[in-house]
Amino acid sequence: MTHWYVKDLSKLTKVSVQTLHYYDKINLLKPSLRLDNGYRLYSEADLLKLQQILALKFFGFDLHKIKTLLACNVEMIEHFSVQSQLLQKKAQALIEASNTLQTIISDCSIDKSISWKTIIKLIEVYQMTQQLEHTWVKEIFTTEELRQYVAFETELKTQSLNQKTVFETDWKNLVEEMNQNFQTDPKSPIGINIGERCMKLVNKLYGTKNANLRTKIFEKGFAEGKGLETVGMTIEIVKWLDQALDAYWKQRIYNILAQVGKTHETEVLKLWNAVLDDMYGEDSERKIDLVQIALNDETISQAARSWLKKI
């Protein structure tokens, strides 16, 4: 049977002599033989045990846990399963920490100076997002949007049980209605009606100040298959709803613009601002884009387009 002195085993396994001595000291790996002169001799069984220790260390087990696992000769599968979940969490935490660092680097000024205020702010956002109920939103929001979303979630938690129950019931009924009418043309009166009721329900939840969150959650979240289980929808239903919403907004916008020249301009402007607020909240850029789209739409009357240029 082959035996190795500590230096030879160190060279063979790339484990330092100091580490082998430490394993001996804590009774994790004791050499099978010790000569009269005090020299340690490791056997093939010791080598196998050292390889087991290295394997378990690779999987992230600490030395105390490794000692217990090897001493008790326990079934490893359950322990490996638990450790795998732990490593996944650690890996995700490291990825998020890396992303936070990349954000800090991107936010640095031209002279590469780093504001500690910015760093602390980003770390606060990172810590808050760990407590989010729907963690997938971290994939779609910017740093500032995450802060806004955390505040929004915090507000939701202050709602009464009755408010939550009413919303959840209304939403569940609406989703069931979407499923029942899935084969119906989303641009039909039925589709437009569902689109209208959906927007009224959702806007009541998010409000004008959080309309940007609502829009991004739908466009970058639900429409791309993220978080669908939280709202009870499938990607097919989302696509159908997207067309129904588009038809609803178009009908509402065209009806308003059709009143130009027939209704007092103050009233038309009031209706116009209301639809923009319902669609985009405080997002002025999207409102401007919508006006430009309307100006290029030849189905809209010349009088309405001239009115749009003035507002």
C-alpha atoms as a PDB file:
ATOM      1  CA  MET A   1       0.000   0.000   0.000  1.00  0.00           C
ATOM      2  CA  THR A   2       1.282   3.444  -0.931  1.00  0.00           C
ATOM      3  CA  HIS A   3       1.997   6.024   1.763  1.00  0.00           C
ATOM      4  CA  TRP A   4       2.891   9.707   1.511  1.00  0.00           C
ATOM      5  CA  TYR A   5       4.751  12.071   3.768  1.00  0.00           C
ATOM      6  CA  VAL A   6       2.924  15.339   4.327  1.00  0.00           C
ATOM      7  CA  LYS A   7       5.099  17.213   1.804  1.00  0.00           C
ATOM      8  CA  ASP A   8       4.518  14.553  -0.827  1.00  0.00           C
ATOM      9  CA  LEU A   9       0.761  14.552  -0.250  1.00  0.00           C
ATOM     10  CA  SER A  10       0.826  18.343  -0.492  1.00  0.00           C
ATOM     11  CA  LYS A  11       2.523  18.199  -3.897  1.00  0.00           C
ATOM     12  CA  LEU A  12       0.160  15.490  -5.110  1.00  0.00           C
ATOM     13  CA  THR A  13      -3.081  17.232  -4.087  1.00  0.00           C
ATOM     14  CA  LYS A  14      -1.992  20.909  -4.276  1.00  0.00           C
ATOM     15  CA  VAL A  15      -3.128  21.294  -0.642  1.00  0.00           C
ATOM     16  CA  SER A  16      -0.607  23.230   1.445  1.00  0.00           C
ATOM     17  CA  VAL A  17       1.330  21.576   4.252  1.00  0.00           C
ATOM     18  CA  GLN A  18      -0.102  24.162   6.656  1.00  0.00           C
ATOM     19  CA  THR A  19      -3.634  23.173   5.644  1.00  0.00           C
ATOM     20  CA  LEU A  20      -2.924  19.468   6.118  1.00  0.00           C
ATOM     21  CA  HIS A  21      -1.476  20.214   9.560  1.00  0.00           C
ATOM     22  CA  TYR A  22      -4.608  22.205  10.400  1.00  0.00           C
ATOM     23  CA  TYR A  23      -6.881  19.353   9.268  1.00  0.00           C
ATOM     24  CA  ASP A  24      -4.895  17.069  11.549  1.00  0.00           C
ATOM     25  CA  LYS A  25      -5.207  19.507  14.465  1.00  0.00           C
ATOM     26  CA  ILE A  26      -9.019  19.746  14.195  1.00  0.00           C
ATOM     27  CA  ASN A  27      -9.363  15.974  13.693  1.00  0.00           C
ATOM     28  CA  LEU A  28     -10.780  16.387  10.214  1.00  0.00           C
ATOM     29  CA  LEU A  29      -8.027  14.388   8.501  1.00  0.00           C
ATOM     30  CA  LYS A  30      -5.527  12.607  10.704  1.00  0.00           C
ATOM     31  CA  PRO A  31      -2.724  10.584   9.077  1.00  0.00           C
ATOM     32  CA  SER A  32      -3.106   6.863   9.458  1.00  0.00           C
ATOM     33  CA  LEU A  33       0.469   6.526  10.659  1.00  0.00           C
ATOM     34  CA  ARG A  34       2.828   8.671  12.661  1.00  0.00           C
ATOM     35  CA  LEU A  35       6.466   7.588  12.863  1.00  0.00           C
ATOM     36  CA  ASP A  36       8.569   7.640  16.009  1.00  0.00           C
ATOM     37  CA  ASN A  37      10.284  10.792  14.778  1.00  0.00           C
ATOM     38  CA  GLY A  38       6.888  12.531  14.532  1.00  0.00           C
ATOM     39  CA  TYR A  39       6.613  12.406  10.742  1.00  0.00           C
ATOM     40  CA  ARG A  40       3.100  11.935   9.374  1.00  0.00           C
ATOM     41  CA  LEU A  41       2.352   9.187   6.864  1.00  0.00           C
ATOM     42  CA  TYR A  42      -0.871   9.325   4.840  1.00  0.00           C
ATOM     43  CA  SER A  43      -2.430   6.211   3.344  1.00  0.00           C
ATOM     44  CA  GLU A  44      -4.519   5.702   0.213  1.00  0.00           C
ATOM     45  CA  ALA A  45      -7.604   5.828   2.458  1.00  0.00           C
ATOM     46  CA  ASP A  46      -6.404   9.193   3.779  1.00  0.00           C
ATOM     47  CA  LEU A  47      -5.969  10.427   0.202  1.00  0.00           C
ATOM     48  CA  LEU A  48      -9.522   9.366  -0.617  1.00  0.00           C
ATOM     49  CA  LYS A  49     -10.834  11.171   2.450  1.00  0.00           C
ATOM     50  CA  LEU A  50      -8.874  14.305   1.510  1.00  0.00           C
ATOM     51  CA  GLN A  51     -10.416  14.184  -1.961  1.00  0.00           C
ATOM     52  CA  GLN A  52     -13.848  13.953  -0.351  1.00  0.00           C
ATOM     53  CA  ILE A  53     -13.037  16.967   1.816  1.00  0.00           C
ATOM     54  CA  LEU A  54     -11.915  18.964  -1.230  1.00  0.00           C
ATOM     55  CA  ALA A  55     -15.067  17.990  -3.115  1.00  0.00           C
ATOM     56  CA  LEU A  56     -17.310  19.100  -0.264  1.00  0.00           C
ATOM     57  CA  LYS A  57     -15.343  22.346   0.077  1.00  0.00           C
ATOM     58  CA  PHE A  58     -15.865  22.938  -3.645  1.00  0.00           C
ATOM     59  CA  PHE A  59     -19.610  22.652  -3.051  1.00  0.00           C
ATOM     60  CA  GLY A  60     -19.407  25.304  -0.348  1.00  0.00           C
ATOM     61  CA  PHE A  61     -19.687  23.202   2.801  1.00  0.00           C
ATOM     62  CA  ASP A  62     -17.763  24.591   5.770  1.00  0.00           C
ATOM     63  CA  LEU A  63     -15.205  22.448   7.605  1.00  0.00           C
ATOM     64  CA  HIS A  64     -17.464  21.840  10.596  1.00  0.00           C
ATOM     65  CA  LYS A  65     -20.206  20.497   8.303  1.00  0.00           C
ATOM     66  CA  ILE A  66     -17.721  18.426   6.328  1.00  0.00           C
ATOM     67  CA  LYS A  67     -16.435  16.840   9.525  1.00  0.00           C
ATOM     68  CA  THR A  68     -19.970  15.891  10.535  1.00  0.00           C
ATOM     69  CA  LEU A  69     -20.877  14.500   7.109  1.00  0.00           C
ATOM     70  CA  LEU A  70     -17.768  12.318   6.879  1.00  0.00           C
ATOM     71  CA  ALA A  71     -17.856  11.165  10.493  1.00  0.00           C
ATOM     72  CA  CYS A  72     -21.494  10.074  10.376  1.00  0.00           C
ATOM     73  CA  ASN A  73     -21.335   8.568   6.879  1.00  0.00           C
ATOM     74  CA  VAL A  74     -24.771  10.088   6.191  1.00  0.00           C
ATOM     75  CA  GLU A  75     -26.772  10.017   2.962  1.00  0.00           C
ATOM     76  CA  MET A  76     -25.458  12.927   0.905  1.00  0.00           C
ATOM     77  CA  ILE A  77     -28.346  13.543  -1.504  1.00  0.00           C
ATOM     78  CA  GLU A  78     -30.477  15.518   0.939  1.00  0.00           C
ATOM     79  CA  HIS A  79     -27.498  17.574   2.082  1.00  0.00           C
ATOM     80  CA  PHE A  80     -26.476  18.217  -1.523  1.00  0.00           C
ATOM     81  CA  SER A  81     -29.999  19.391  -2.338  1.00  0.00           C
ATOM     82  CA  VAL A  82     -30.013  21.874   0.544  1.00  0.00           C
ATOM     83  CA  GLN A  83     -26.503  23.077  -0.322  1.00  0.00           C
ATOM     84  CA  SER A  84     -27.470  23.502  -3.979  1.00  0.00           C
ATOM     85  CA  GLN A  85     -30.323  25.820  -3.018  1.00  0.00           C
ATOM     86  CA  LEU A  86     -28.000  27.783  -0.740  1.00  0.00           C
ATOM     87  CA  LEU A  87     -25.418  28.182  -3.515  1.00  0.00           C
ATOM     88  CA  GLN A  88     -28.095  29.349  -5.936  1.00  0.00           C
ATOM     89  CA  LYS A  89     -29.116  32.067  -3.503  1.00  0.00           C
ATOM     90  CA  LYS A  90     -25.501  33.090  -3.005  1.00  0.00           C
ATOM     91  CA  ALA A  91     -24.910  33.118  -6.756  1.00  0.00           C
ATOM     92  CA  GLN A  92     -27.955  35.327  -7.315  1.00  0.00           C
ATOM     93  CA  ALA A  93     -26.799  37.662  -4.554  1.00  0.00           C
ATOM     94  CA  LEU A  94     -23.347  37.926  -6.170  1.00  0.00           C
ATOM     95  CA  ILE A  95     -24.882  38.618  -9.585  1.00  0.00           C
ATOM     96  CA  GLU A  96     -27.063  41.364  -8.120  1.00  0.00           C
ATOM     97  CA  ALA A  97     -24.102  42.832  -6.261  1.00  0.00           C
ATOM     98  CA  SER A  98     -22.139  42.791  -9.545  1.00  0.00           C
ATOM     99  CA  ASN A  99     -25.020  44.536 -11.327  1.00  0.00           C
ATOM    100  CA  THR A 100     -25.079  47.153  -8.590  1.00  0.00           C
ATOM    101  CA  LEU A 101     -21.355  47.765  -9.103  1.00  0.00           C
ATOM    102  CA  GLN A 102     -21.900  48.094 -12.861  1.00  0.00           C
ATOM    103  CA  THR A 103     -24.613  50.671 -12.185  1.00  0.00           C
ATOM    104  CA  ILE A 104     -22.240  52.595  -9.945  1.00  0.00           C
ATOM    105  CA  ILE A 105     -19.549  52.496 -12.646  1.00  0.00           C
ATOM    106  CA  SER A 106     -22.032  53.695 -15.280  1.00  0.00           C
ATOM    107  CA  ASP A 107     -23.160  56.541 -13.028  1.00  0.00           C
ATOM    108  CA  CYS A 108     -19.615  57.768 -12.443  1.00  0.00           C
ATOM    109  CA  SER A 109     -18.788  61.211 -13.774  1.00  0.00           C
ATOM    110  CA  ILE A 110     -16.355  61.730 -16.635  1.00  0.00           C
ATOM    111  CA  ASP A 111     -13.436  62.118 -14.222  1.00  0.00           C
ATOM    112  CA  LYS A 112     -14.296  58.666 -12.818  1.00  0.00           C
ATOM    113  CA  SER A 113     -15.026  60.011  -9.351  1.00  0.00           C
ATOM    114  CA  ILE A 114     -17.470  57.991  -7.285  1.00  0.00           C
ATOM    115  CA  SER A 115     -20.081  59.638  -5.106  1.00  0.00           C
ATOM    116  CA  TRP A 116     -20.517  57.770  -1.838  1.00  0.00           C
ATOM    117  CA  LYS A 117     -24.019  59.184  -1.702  1.00  0.00           C
ATOM    118  CA  THR A 118     -24.769  57.375  -4.957  1.00  0.00           C
ATOM    119  CA  ILE A 119     -23.193  54.162  -3.694  1.00  0.00           C
ATOM    120  CA  ILE A 120     -25.185  54.200  -0.466  1.00  0.00           C
ATOM    121  CA  LYS A 121     -28.354  54.982  -2.390  1.00  0.00           C
ATOM    122  CA  LEU A 122     -27.832  52.024  -4.733  1.00  0.00           C
ATOM    123  CA  ILE A 123     -27.090  49.682  -1.837  1.00  0.00           C
ATOM    124  CA  GLU A 124     -30.305  50.818  -0.142  1.00  0.00           C
ATOM    125  CA  VAL A 125     -32.231  50.003  -3.320  1.00  0.00           C
ATOM    126  CA  TYR A 126     -30.516  46.610  -3.510  1.00  0.00           C
ATOM    127  CA  GLN A 127     -31.448  45.821   0.088  1.00  0.00           C
ATOM    128  CA  MET A 128     -35.031  46.960  -0.391  1.00  0.00           C
ATOM    129  CA  THR A 129     -35.474  44.879  -3.526  1.00  0.00           C
ATOM    130  CA  GLN A 130     -34.523  41.747  -1.574  1.00  0.00           C
ATOM    131  CA  GLN A 131     -37.835  42.174   0.246  1.00  0.00           C
ATOM    132  CA  LEU A 132     -39.963  42.604  -2.872  1.00  0.00           C
ATOM    133  CA  GLU A 133     -42.924  40.289  -3.153  1.00  0.00           C
ATOM    134  CA  HIS A 134     -42.449  39.979  -6.929  1.00  0.00           C
ATOM    135  CA  THR A 135     -38.705  39.651  -7.475  1.00  0.00           C
ATOM    136  CA  TRP A 136     -38.944  39.488 -11.277  1.00  0.00           C
ATOM    137  CA  VAL A 137     -39.570  43.241 -11.429  1.00  0.00           C
ATOM    138  CA  LYS A 138     -35.873  43.735 -10.650  1.00  0.00           C
ATOM    139  CA  GLU A 139     -35.196  42.579 -14.198  1.00  0.00           C
ATOM    140  CA  ILE A 140     -37.244  45.322 -15.856  1.00  0.00           C
ATOM    141  CA  PHE A 141     -36.890  48.457 -13.707  1.00  0.00           C
ATOM    142  CA  THR A 142     -34.130  51.041 -13.514  1.00  0.00           C
ATOM    143  CA  THR A 143     -32.684  52.011 -10.129  1.00  0.00           C
ATOM    144  CA  GLU A 144     -35.067  54.948  -9.722  1.00  0.00           C
ATOM    145  CA  GLU A 145     -38.042  52.880 -10.866  1.00  0.00           C
ATOM    146  CA  LEU A 146     -37.157  50.228  -8.295  1.00  0.00           C
ATOM    147  CA  ARG A 147     -37.210  52.846  -5.542  1.00  0.00           C
ATOM    148  CA  GLN A 148     -40.598  53.990  -6.818  1.00  0.00           C
ATOM    149  CA  TYR A 149     -41.884  50.413  -6.995  1.00  0.00           C
ATOM    150  CA  VAL A 150     -40.724  49.644  -3.449  1.00  0.00           C
ATOM    151  CA  ALA A 151     -42.644  52.704  -2.256  1.00  0.00           C
ATOM    152  CA  PHE A 152     -45.674  51.555  -4.267  1.00  0.00           C
ATOM    153  CA  GLU A 153     -45.566  48.061  -2.756  1.00  0.00           C
ATOM    154  CA  THR A 154     -45.253  49.594   0.703  1.00  0.00           C
ATOM    155  CA  GLU A 155     -48.385  51.662   0.066  1.00  0.00           C
ATOM    156  CA  LEU A 156     -50.287  48.585  -1.085  1.00  0.00           C
ATOM    157  CA  LYS A 157     -49.546  46.862   2.207  1.00  0.00           C
ATOM    158  CA  THR A 158     -51.384  49.657   4.028  1.00  0.00           C
ATOM    159  CA  GLN A 159     -54.628  48.887   2.187  1.00  0.00           C
ATOM    160  CA  SER A 160     -57.426  47.407   4.212  1.00  0.00           C
ATOM    161  CA  LEU A 161     -58.266  43.743   3.845  1.00  0.00           C
ATOM    162  CA  ASN A 162     -61.554  44.734   2.229  1.00  0.00           C
ATOM    163  CA  GLN A 163     -59.802  46.848  -0.431  1.00  0.00           C
ATOM    164  CA  LYS A 164     -57.469  43.979  -1.290  1.00  0.00           C
ATOM    165  CA  THR A 165     -60.327  41.483  -1.421  1.00  0.00           C
ATOM    166  CA  VAL A 166     -62.427  43.705  -3.697  1.00  0.00           C
ATOM    167  CA  PHE A 167     -59.555  44.249  -6.140  1.00  0.00           C
ATOM    168  CA  GLU A 168     -58.555  40.575  -6.211  1.00  0.00           C
ATOM    169  CA  THR A 169     -62.173  39.516  -6.791  1.00  0.00           C
ATOM    170  CA  ASP A 170     -62.720  42.072  -9.563  1.00  0.00           C
ATOM    171  CA  TRP A 171     -59.445  41.108 -11.245  1.00  0.00           C
ATOM    172  CA  LYS A 172     -60.179  37.382 -11.034  1.00  0.00           C
ATOM    173  CA  ASN A 173     -63.613  37.927 -12.622  1.00  0.00           C
ATOM    174  CA  LEU A 174     -62.075  40.036 -15.380  1.00  0.00           C
ATOM    175  CA  VAL A 175     -59.450  37.393 -16.183  1.00  0.00           C
ATOM    176  CA  GLU A 176     -62.168  34.736 -16.339  1.00  0.00           C
ATOM    177  CA  GLU A 177     -64.066  36.947 -18.780  1.00  0.00           C
ATOM    178  CA  MET A 178     -60.930  37.290 -20.933  1.00  0.00           C
ATOM    179  CA  ASN A 179     -60.600  33.517 -21.043  1.00  0.00           C
ATOM    180  CA  GLN A 180     -64.248  33.151 -22.026  1.00  0.00           C
ATOM    181  CA  ASN A 181     -63.894  35.656 -24.871  1.00  0.00           C
ATOM    182  CA  PHE A 182     -60.401  34.633 -25.984  1.00  0.00           C
ATOM    183  CA  GLN A 183     -61.678  33.582 -29.424  1.00  0.00           C
ATOM    184  CA  THR A 184     -63.531  36.891 -29.863  1.00  0.00           C
ATOM    185  CA  ASP A 185     -61.941  39.669 -31.913  1.00  0.00           C
ATOM    186  CA  PRO A 186     -60.164  41.861 -29.318  1.00  0.00           C
ATOM    187  CA  LYS A 187     -61.096  44.919 -31.400  1.00  0.00           C
ATOM    188  CA  SER A 188     -64.794  44.083 -31.158  1.00  0.00           C
ATOM    189  CA  PRO A 189     -67.142  45.897 -28.735  1.00  0.00           C
ATOM    190  CA  ILE A 190     -66.661  43.038 -26.274  1.00  0.00           C
ATOM    191  CA  GLY A 191     -62.868  43.354 -26.440  1.00  0.00           C
ATOM    192  CA  ILE A 192     -62.979  47.143 -26.142  1.00  0.00           C
ATOM    193  CA  ASN A 193     -65.311  46.889 -23.151  1.00  0.00           C
ATOM    194  CA  ILE A 194     -62.967  44.478 -21.387  1.00  0.00           C
ATOM    195  CA  GLY A 195     -60.009  46.726 -22.227  1.00  0.00           C
ATOM    196  CA  GLU A 196     -61.801  49.736 -20.730  1.00  0.00           C
ATOM    197  CA  ARG A 197     -62.728  47.944 -17.509  1.00  0.00           C
ATOM    198  CA  CYS A 198     -59.218  46.555 -17.209  1.00  0.00           C
ATOM    199  CA  MET A 199     -57.659  50.032 -17.444  1.00  0.00           C
ATOM    200  CA  LYS A 200     -60.106  51.517 -14.947  1.00  0.00           C
ATOM    201  CA  LEU A 201     -59.367  48.734 -12.462  1.00  0.00           C
ATOM    202  CA  VAL A 202     -55.594  48.872 -12.889  1.00  0.00           C
ATOM    203  CA  ASN A 203     -55.419  52.686 -12.901  1.00  0.00           C
ATOM    204  CA  LYS A 204     -57.352  52.748  -9.654  1.00  0.00           C
ATOM    205  CA  LEU A 205     -54.628  50.552  -8.179  1.00  0.00           C
ATOM    206  CA  TYR A 206     -51.576  52.374  -9.557  1.00  0.00           C
ATOM    207  CA  GLY A 207     -52.833  55.962  -9.780  1.00  0.00           C
ATOM    208  CA  THR A 208     -51.406  58.633 -12.067  1.00  0.00           C
ATOM    209  CA  LYS A 209     -48.040  58.899 -10.310  1.00  0.00           C
ATOM    210  CA  ASN A 210     -47.302  55.196 -10.818  1.00  0.00           C
ATOM    211  CA  ALA A 211     -48.667  54.859 -14.351  1.00  0.00           C
ATOM    212  CA  ASN A 212     -45.126  54.455 -15.671  1.00  0.00           C
ATOM    213  CA  LEU A 213     -44.688  51.376 -13.469  1.00  0.00           C
ATOM    214  CA  ARG A 214     -47.971  49.931 -14.675  1.00  0.00           C
ATOM    215  CA  THR A 215     -46.977  50.410 -18.318  1.00  0.00           C
ATOM    216  CA  LYS A 216     -43.519  48.917 -17.926  1.00  0.00           C
ATOM    217  CA  ILE A 217     -44.797  45.932 -15.957  1.00  0.00           C
ATOM    218  CA  PHE A 218     -47.171  45.151 -18.817  1.00  0.00           C
ATOM    219  CA  GLU A 219     -44.777  45.843 -21.708  1.00  0.00           C
ATOM    220  CA  LYS A 220     -41.515  44.480 -20.265  1.00  0.00           C
ATOM    221  CA  GLY A 221     -42.993  42.026 -17.805  1.00  0.00           C
ATOM    222  CA  PHE A 222     -46.276  40.336 -18.738  1.00  0.00           C
ATOM    223  CA  ALA A 223     -45.835  40.785 -22.501  1.00  0.00           C
ATOM    224  CA  GLU A 224     -42.489  38.970 -22.264  1.00  0.00           C
ATOM    225  CA  GLY A 225     -43.829  36.182 -20.081  1.00  0.00           C
ATOM    226  CA  LYS A 226     -42.592  37.455 -16.701  1.00  0.00           C
ATOM    227  CA  GLY A 227     -44.800  37.338 -13.601  1.00  0.00           C
ATOM    228  CA  LEU A 228     -47.846  35.908 -15.371  1.00  0.00           C
ATOM    229  CA  GLU A 229     -48.530  33.538 -12.474  1.00  0.00           C
ATOM    230  CA  THR A 230     -49.060  36.562 -10.214  1.00  0.00           C
ATOM    231  CA  VAL A 231     -51.997  37.787 -12.319  1.00  0.00           C
ATOM    232  CA  GLY A 232     -53.443  34.471 -13.450  1.00  0.00           C
ATOM    233  CA  MET A 233     -52.866  35.074 -17.162  1.00  0.00           C
ATOM    234  CA  THR A 234     -51.143  33.237 -19.988  1.00  0.00           C
ATOM    235  CA  ILE A 235     -48.989  34.846 -22.663  1.00  0.00           C
ATOM    236  CA  GLU A 236     -51.826  34.258 -25.167  1.00  0.00           C
ATOM    237  CA  ILE A 237     -54.308  36.138 -22.965  1.00  0.00           C
ATOM    238  CA  VAL A 238     -51.791  38.975 -22.553  1.00  0.00           C
ATOM    239  CA  LYS A 239     -51.459  39.299 -26.331  1.00  0.00           C
ATOM    240  CA  TRP A 240     -55.242  39.340 -26.681  1.00  0.00           C
ATOM    241  CA  LEU A 241     -55.569  41.949 -23.934  1.00  0.00           C
ATOM    242  CA  ASP A 242     -52.862  44.080 -25.527  1.00  0.00           C
ATOM    243  CA  GLN A 243     -54.937  44.340 -28.715  1.00  0.00           C
ATOM    244  CA  ALA A 244     -58.114  44.997 -26.718  1.00  0.00           C
ATOM    245  CA  LEU A 245     -56.414  47.826 -24.825  1.00  0.00           C
ATOM    246  CA  ASP A 246     -55.065  49.301 -28.047  1.00  0.00           C
ATOM    247  CA  ALA A 247     -58.540  49.249 -29.551  1.00  0.00           C
ATOM    248  CA  TYR A 248     -59.997  50.878 -26.440  1.00  0.00           C
ATOM    249  CA  TRP A 249     -57.458  53.720 -26.419  1.00  0.00           C
ATOM    250  CA  LYS A 250     -57.889  54.356 -30.147  1.00  0.00           C
ATOM    251  CA  GLN A 251     -61.660  54.499 -29.835  1.00  0.00           C
ATOM    252  CA  ARG A 252     -61.447  56.890 -26.914  1.00  0.00           C
ATOM    253  CA  ILE A 253     -58.877  59.134 -28.634  1.00  0.00           C
ATOM    254  CA  TYR A 254     -60.754  59.230 -31.953  1.00  0.00           C
ATOM    255  CA  ASN A 255     -64.009  60.054 -30.164  1.00  0.00           C
ATOM    256  CA  ILE A 256     -62.344  63.018 -28.439  1.00  0.00           C
ATOM    257  CA  LEU A 257     -60.710  64.345 -31.594  1.00  0.00           C
ATOM    258  CA  ALA A 258     -63.993  63.961 -33.474  1.00  0.00           C
ATOM    259  CA  GLN A 259     -65.455  66.594 -31.122  1.00  0.00           C
ATOM    260  CA  VAL A 260     -63.000  69.281 -32.266  1.00  0.00           C
ATOM    261  CA  GLY A 261     -65.044  72.048 -33.869  1.00  0.00           C
ATOM    262  CA  LYS A 262     -68.278  70.646 -32.430  1.00  0.00           C
ATOM    263  CA  THR A 263     -67.625  71.008 -28.700  1.00  0.00           C
ATOM    264  CA  HIS A 264     -66.060  73.908 -26.811  1.00  0.00           C
ATOM    265  CA  GLU A 265     -62.254  73.674 -26.937  1.00  0.00           C
ATOM    266  CA  THR A 266     -61.993  73.846 -23.140  1.00  0.00           C
ATOM    267  CA  GLU A 267     -64.076  70.707 -22.791  1.00  0.00           C
ATOM    268  CA  VAL A 268     -62.157  68.909 -25.555  1.00  0.00           C
ATOM    269  CA  LEU A 269     -58.847  69.833 -23.911  1.00  0.00           C
ATOM    270  CA  LYS A 270     -60.112  68.536 -20.581  1.00  0.00           C
ATOM    271  CA  LEU A 271     -61.034  65.205 -22.170  1.00  0.00           C
ATOM    272  CA  TRP A 272     -57.717  65.075 -24.042  1.00  0.00           C
ATOM    273  CA  ASN A 273     -55.622  65.679 -20.927  1.00  0.00           C
ATOM    274  CA  ALA A 274     -57.648  63.082 -19.051  1.00  0.00           C
ATOM    275  CA  VAL A 275     -56.965  60.363 -21.627  1.00  0.00           C
ATOM    276  CA  LEU A 276     -53.245  61.220 -21.687  1.00  0.00           C
ATOM    277  CA  ASP A 277     -53.085  61.016 -17.899  1.00  0.00           C
ATOM    278  CA  ASP A 278     -54.911  57.681 -17.925  1.00  0.00           C
ATOM    279  CA  MET A 279     -52.537  56.328 -20.558  1.00  0.00           C
ATOM    280  CA  TYR A 280     -49.176  57.650 -19.414  1.00  0.00           C
ATOM    281  CA  GLY A 281     -49.573  59.334 -16.039  1.00  0.00           C
ATOM    282  CA  GLU A 282     -46.715  61.823 -15.625  1.00  0.00           C
ATOM    283  CA  ASP A 283     -44.667  60.529 -18.585  1.00  0.00           C
ATOM    284  CA  SER A 284     -44.518  63.683 -20.723  1.00  0.00           C
ATOM    285  CA  GLU A 285     -42.354  62.098 -23.421  1.00  0.00           C
ATOM    286  CA  ARG A 286     -44.940  59.472 -24.268  1.00  0.00           C
ATOM    287  CA  LYS A 287     -47.653  62.111 -24.337  1.00  0.00           C
ATOM    288  CA  ILE A 288     -45.654  64.118 -26.866  1.00  0.00           C
ATOM    289  CA  ASP A 289     -45.086  60.985 -28.938  1.00  0.00           C
ATOM    290  CA  LEU A 290     -48.821  60.277 -28.985  1.00  0.00           C
ATOM    291  CA  VAL A 291     -49.561  63.778 -30.266  1.00  0.00           C
ATOM    292  CA  GLN A 292     -47.028  63.260 -33.060  1.00  0.00           C
ATOM    293  CA  ILE A 293     -48.627  59.945 -34.001  1.00  0.00           C
ATOM    294  CA  ALA A 294     -52.042  61.615 -34.163  1.00  0.00           C
ATOM    295  CA  LEU A 295     -50.676  64.416 -36.354  1.00  0.00           C
ATOM    296  CA  ASN A 296     -49.445  61.825 -38.847  1.00  0.00           C
ATOM    297  CA  ASP A 297     -52.727  59.909 -38.862  1.00  0.00           C
ATOM    298  CA  GLU A 298     -54.605  60.882 -42.045  1.00  0.00           C
ATOM    299  CA  THR A 299     -57.850  59.372 -40.722  1.00  0.00           C
ATOM    300  CA  ILE A 300     -58.022  62.229 -38.209  1.00  0.00           C
ATOM    301  CA  SER A 301     -59.686  65.408 -39.503  1.00  0.00           C
ATOM    302  CA  GLN A 302     -57.631  68.399 -40.541  1.00  0.00           C
ATOM    303  CA  ALA A 303     -59.431  70.473 -37.919  1.00  0.00           C
ATOM    304  CA  ALA A 304     -58.384  68.033 -35.182  1.00  0.00           C
ATOM    305  CA  ARG A 305     -54.777  68.003 -36.389  1.00  0.00           C
ATOM    306  CA  SER A 306     -54.685  71.774 -36.454  1.00  0.00           C
ATOM    307  CA  TRP A 307     -56.041  71.816 -32.907  1.00  0.00           C
ATOM    308  CA  LEU A 308     -53.360  69.381 -31.774  1.00  0.00           C
ATOM    309  CA  LYS A 309     -50.652  71.657 -33.123  1.00  0.00           C
ATOM    310  CA  LYS A 310     -51.907  74.462 -30.887  1.00  0.00           C
ATOM    311  CA  ILE A 311     -52.047  72.640 -27.571  1.00  0.00           C
END
